[in-house]
Amino acid sequence: MDPGVIGAFIPVIAIIAFAAVKIARVLAERPPATSANVTPRLETLEQSVQVLQQQLAETQERLDFAERLLTKTRDEHRIGS
């Protein structure tokens, strides 16, 4: 083989090696695959969120009620004064 042809392959081989090293690093730094218990944990989390949403709705209803009572009381005191 001609030395000029071999010299032309060196940059190509270097580029391929560089790309292989980059790919290996990316794969090594990738987070591990998700564990098998992700689905049950996700379902539990969804249930917790639903409970919190229900509690928030109840709290908002109570706040609205308290605001209506306070407004009613203030209006009665203004009328009565």
N, C-alpha and C. Protein backbone atom coordinates (compact mmCIF):
# COMPACT_ATOMS: atom_id res chain seq x y z
N MET A 1 0.84 -1.17 0.00
CA MET A 1 0.00 0.00 0.00
C MET A 1 0.89 1.24 0.00
N ASP A 2 0.43 2.24 -0.67
CA ASP A 2 1.19 3.49 -0.82
C ASP A 2 1.18 4.27 0.51
N PRO A 3 2.31 4.82 0.95
CA PRO A 3 2.35 5.57 2.20
C PRO A 3 1.43 6.78 2.19
N GLY A 4 1.16 7.37 1.04
CA GLY A 4 0.25 8.50 0.96
C GLY A 4 -1.18 8.09 1.27
N VAL A 5 -1.56 6.90 0.87
CA VAL A 5 -2.92 6.40 1.15
C VAL A 5 -3.07 6.11 2.64
N ILE A 6 -2.05 5.52 3.22
CA ILE A 6 -2.08 5.23 4.66
C ILE A 6 -2.16 6.55 5.44
N GLY A 7 -1.44 7.56 5.01
CA GLY A 7 -1.47 8.87 5.65
C GLY A 7 -2.84 9.52 5.57
N ALA A 8 -3.60 9.23 4.53
CA ALA A 8 -4.95 9.78 4.38
C ALA A 8 -5.94 9.10 5.32
N PHE A 9 -5.68 7.86 5.68
CA PHE A 9 -6.58 7.12 6.58
C PHE A 9 -6.41 7.52 8.05
N ILE A 10 -5.27 8.08 8.41
CA ILE A 10 -5.02 8.43 9.81
C ILE A 10 -6.05 9.43 10.33
N PRO A 11 -6.36 10.54 9.64
CA PRO A 11 -7.39 11.44 10.16
C PRO A 11 -8.77 10.79 10.26
N VAL A 12 -9.09 9.92 9.30
CA VAL A 12 -10.38 9.24 9.33
C VAL A 12 -10.46 8.33 10.56
N ILE A 13 -9.41 7.60 10.81
CA ILE A 13 -9.37 6.71 11.98
C ILE A 13 -9.43 7.52 13.27
N ALA A 14 -8.77 8.67 13.29
CA ALA A 14 -8.79 9.53 14.48
C ALA A 14 -10.19 10.07 14.74
N ILE A 15 -10.90 10.46 13.70
CA ILE A 15 -12.27 10.96 13.85
C ILE A 15 -13.18 9.86 14.37
N ILE A 16 -13.04 8.66 13.83
CA ILE A 16 -13.87 7.54 14.28
C ILE A 16 -13.57 7.21 15.74
N ALA A 17 -12.31 7.22 16.13
CA ALA A 17 -11.92 6.93 17.52
C ALA A 17 -12.47 8.01 18.45
N PHE A 18 -12.36 9.28 18.03
CA PHE A 18 -12.87 10.38 18.84
C PHE A 18 -14.37 10.23 19.05
N ALA A 19 -15.10 9.90 17.97
CA ALA A 19 -16.54 9.72 18.07
C ALA A 19 -16.88 8.54 18.99
N ALA A 20 -16.13 7.46 18.89
CA ALA A 20 -16.38 6.30 19.74
C ALA A 20 -16.17 6.64 21.21
N VAL A 21 -15.14 7.42 21.51
CA VAL A 21 -14.88 7.83 22.90
C VAL A 21 -16.01 8.73 23.41
N LYS A 22 -16.46 9.67 22.57
CA LYS A 22 -17.57 10.55 22.96
C LYS A 22 -18.83 9.74 23.25
N ILE A 23 -19.16 8.80 22.38
CA ILE A 23 -20.35 7.97 22.57
C ILE A 23 -20.23 7.16 23.85
N ALA A 24 -19.06 6.60 24.11
CA ALA A 24 -18.86 5.82 25.33
C ALA A 24 -19.05 6.69 26.57
N ARG A 25 -18.56 7.93 26.53
CA ARG A 25 -18.72 8.83 27.68
C ARG A 25 -20.19 9.18 27.91
N VAL A 26 -20.90 9.47 26.83
CA VAL A 26 -22.32 9.80 26.96
C VAL A 26 -23.09 8.63 27.54
N LEU A 27 -22.81 7.43 27.06
CA LEU A 27 -23.50 6.25 27.58
C LEU A 27 -23.13 5.97 29.04
N ALA A 28 -21.90 6.25 29.42
CA ALA A 28 -21.47 6.02 30.80
C ALA A 28 -22.11 7.01 31.75
N GLU A 29 -22.34 8.25 31.30
CA GLU A 29 -22.92 9.28 32.16
C GLU A 29 -24.44 9.24 32.20
N ARG A 30 -25.03 8.43 31.36
CA ARG A 30 -26.49 8.34 31.30
C ARG A 30 -27.02 7.76 32.60
N PRO A 31 -28.12 8.29 33.10
CA PRO A 31 -28.67 7.75 34.34
C PRO A 31 -29.11 6.29 34.13
N PRO A 32 -29.10 5.53 35.20
CA PRO A 32 -29.49 4.12 35.07
C PRO A 32 -30.95 4.00 34.65
N ALA A 33 -31.27 2.88 34.09
CA ALA A 33 -32.64 2.62 33.66
C ALA A 33 -33.57 2.69 34.87
N THR A 34 -34.81 3.06 34.63
CA THR A 34 -35.76 3.18 35.73
C THR A 34 -35.97 1.83 36.39
N SER A 35 -36.21 1.87 37.66
CA SER A 35 -36.39 0.64 38.40
C SER A 35 -37.77 0.05 38.14
N ALA A 36 -37.94 -1.17 38.54
CA ALA A 36 -39.19 -1.90 38.27
C ALA A 36 -40.35 -1.37 39.09
N ASN A 37 -40.08 -0.70 40.19
CA ASN A 37 -41.17 -0.25 41.06
C ASN A 37 -41.63 1.18 40.74
N VAL A 38 -41.35 1.67 39.55
CA VAL A 38 -41.75 3.03 39.20
C VAL A 38 -43.26 3.15 39.11
N THR A 39 -43.92 2.19 38.51
CA THR A 39 -45.37 2.26 38.33
C THR A 39 -46.11 2.31 39.66
N PRO A 40 -45.82 1.43 40.61
CA PRO A 40 -46.51 1.55 41.90
C PRO A 40 -46.22 2.87 42.61
N ARG A 41 -44.98 3.33 42.52
CA ARG A 41 -44.64 4.60 43.15
C ARG A 41 -45.38 5.75 42.49
N LEU A 42 -45.51 5.71 41.18
CA LEU A 42 -46.23 6.75 40.46
C LEU A 42 -47.71 6.75 40.83
N GLU A 43 -48.30 5.56 40.95
CA GLU A 43 -49.72 5.47 41.35
C GLU A 43 -49.92 6.02 42.75
N THR A 44 -49.01 5.72 43.65
CA THR A 44 -49.09 6.23 45.02
C THR A 44 -48.98 7.75 45.01
N LEU A 45 -48.08 8.27 44.21
CA LEU A 45 -47.91 9.72 44.11
C LEU A 45 -49.17 10.38 43.55
N GLU A 46 -49.78 9.76 42.54
CA GLU A 46 -51.01 10.31 41.97
C GLU A 46 -52.14 10.33 43.00
N GLN A 47 -52.23 9.28 43.81
CA GLN A 47 -53.25 9.24 44.86
C GLN A 47 -53.00 10.34 45.87
N SER A 48 -51.74 10.55 46.23
CA SER A 48 -51.42 11.61 47.18
C SER A 48 -51.79 12.98 46.62
N VAL A 49 -51.54 13.19 45.35
CA VAL A 49 -51.89 14.46 44.73
C VAL A 49 -53.40 14.65 44.73
N GLN A 50 -54.15 13.59 44.47
CA GLN A 50 -55.61 13.69 44.49
C GLN A 50 -56.11 14.05 45.88
N VAL A 51 -55.53 13.45 46.90
CA VAL A 51 -55.92 13.77 48.28
C VAL A 51 -55.61 15.24 48.57
N LEU A 52 -54.44 15.70 48.17
CA LEU A 52 -54.08 17.10 48.40
C LEU A 52 -55.01 18.05 47.64
N GLN A 53 -55.40 17.68 46.43
CA GLN A 53 -56.32 18.52 45.67
C GLN A 53 -57.67 18.60 46.37
N GLN A 54 -58.14 17.49 46.92
CA GLN A 54 -59.41 17.48 47.65
C GLN A 54 -59.32 18.35 48.90
N GLN A 55 -58.22 18.22 49.62
CA GLN A 55 -58.04 19.03 50.83
C GLN A 55 -57.96 20.51 50.48
N LEU A 56 -57.30 20.85 49.38
CA LEU A 56 -57.21 22.23 48.96
C LEU A 56 -58.59 22.77 48.59
N ALA A 57 -59.38 21.98 47.90
CA ALA A 57 -60.73 22.41 47.53
C ALA A 57 -61.57 22.68 48.77
N GLU A 58 -61.48 21.78 49.76
CA GLU A 58 -62.22 21.96 51.01
C GLU A 58 -61.76 23.22 51.74
N THR A 59 -60.46 23.45 51.75
CA THR A 59 -59.92 24.63 52.42
C THR A 59 -60.39 25.91 51.71
N GLN A 60 -60.43 25.89 50.40
CA GLN A 60 -60.91 27.05 49.66
C GLN A 60 -62.38 27.32 49.94
N GLU A 61 -63.18 26.25 50.05
CA GLU A 61 -64.60 26.42 50.39
C GLU A 61 -64.75 27.03 51.78
N ARG A 62 -63.95 26.58 52.72
CA ARG A 62 -64.01 27.13 54.08
C ARG A 62 -63.58 28.60 54.09
N LEU A 63 -62.57 28.93 53.31
CA LEU A 63 -62.12 30.31 53.22
C LEU A 63 -63.22 31.19 52.62
N ASP A 64 -63.84 30.72 51.57
CA ASP A 64 -64.95 31.48 50.97
C ASP A 64 -66.07 31.70 51.98
N PHE A 65 -66.40 30.66 52.73
CA PHE A 65 -67.45 30.76 53.74
C PHE A 65 -67.07 31.81 54.80
N ALA A 66 -65.83 31.74 55.27
CA ALA A 66 -65.37 32.69 56.30
C ALA A 66 -65.39 34.11 55.75
N GLU A 67 -65.00 34.29 54.51
CA GLU A 67 -65.02 35.63 53.92
C GLU A 67 -66.45 36.15 53.81
N ARG A 68 -67.40 35.28 53.43
CA ARG A 68 -68.79 35.70 53.35
C ARG A 68 -69.33 36.09 54.72
N LEU A 69 -68.99 35.32 55.75
CA LEU A 69 -69.42 35.66 57.11
C LEU A 69 -68.86 37.00 57.56
N LEU A 70 -67.57 37.21 57.29
CA LEU A 70 -66.96 38.48 57.69
C LEU A 70 -67.59 39.65 56.96
N THR A 71 -67.85 39.49 55.68
CA THR A 71 -68.48 40.55 54.91
C THR A 71 -69.88 40.83 55.42
N LYS A 72 -70.63 39.77 55.72
CA LYS A 72 -71.99 39.91 56.23
C LYS A 72 -71.98 40.63 57.57
N THR A 73 -71.06 40.25 58.44
CA THR A 73 -70.96 40.86 59.76
C THR A 73 -70.62 42.34 59.64
N ARG A 74 -69.70 42.69 58.76
CA ARG A 74 -69.31 44.09 58.57
C ARG A 74 -70.49 44.90 58.05
N ASP A 75 -71.21 44.33 57.09
CA ASP A 75 -72.36 45.04 56.53
C ASP A 75 -73.44 45.25 57.59
N GLU A 76 -73.68 44.26 58.45
CA GLU A 76 -74.69 44.40 59.50
C GLU A 76 -74.27 45.48 60.49
N HIS A 77 -72.99 45.57 60.80
CA HIS A 77 -72.53 46.60 61.74
C HIS A 77 -72.66 47.98 61.13
N ARG A 78 -72.44 48.11 59.86
CA ARG A 78 -72.58 49.42 59.20
C ARG A 78 -74.04 49.86 59.17
N ILE A 79 -74.90 48.90 58.88
CA ILE A 79 -76.34 49.22 58.83
C ILE A 79 -76.86 49.55 60.22
N GLY A 80 -76.43 48.81 61.22
CA GLY A 80 -76.89 48.98 62.58
C GLY A 80 -76.32 50.22 63.26
N SER A 81 -75.20 50.73 62.79
CA SER A 81 -74.59 51.89 63.44
C SER A 81 -75.26 53.18 63.14
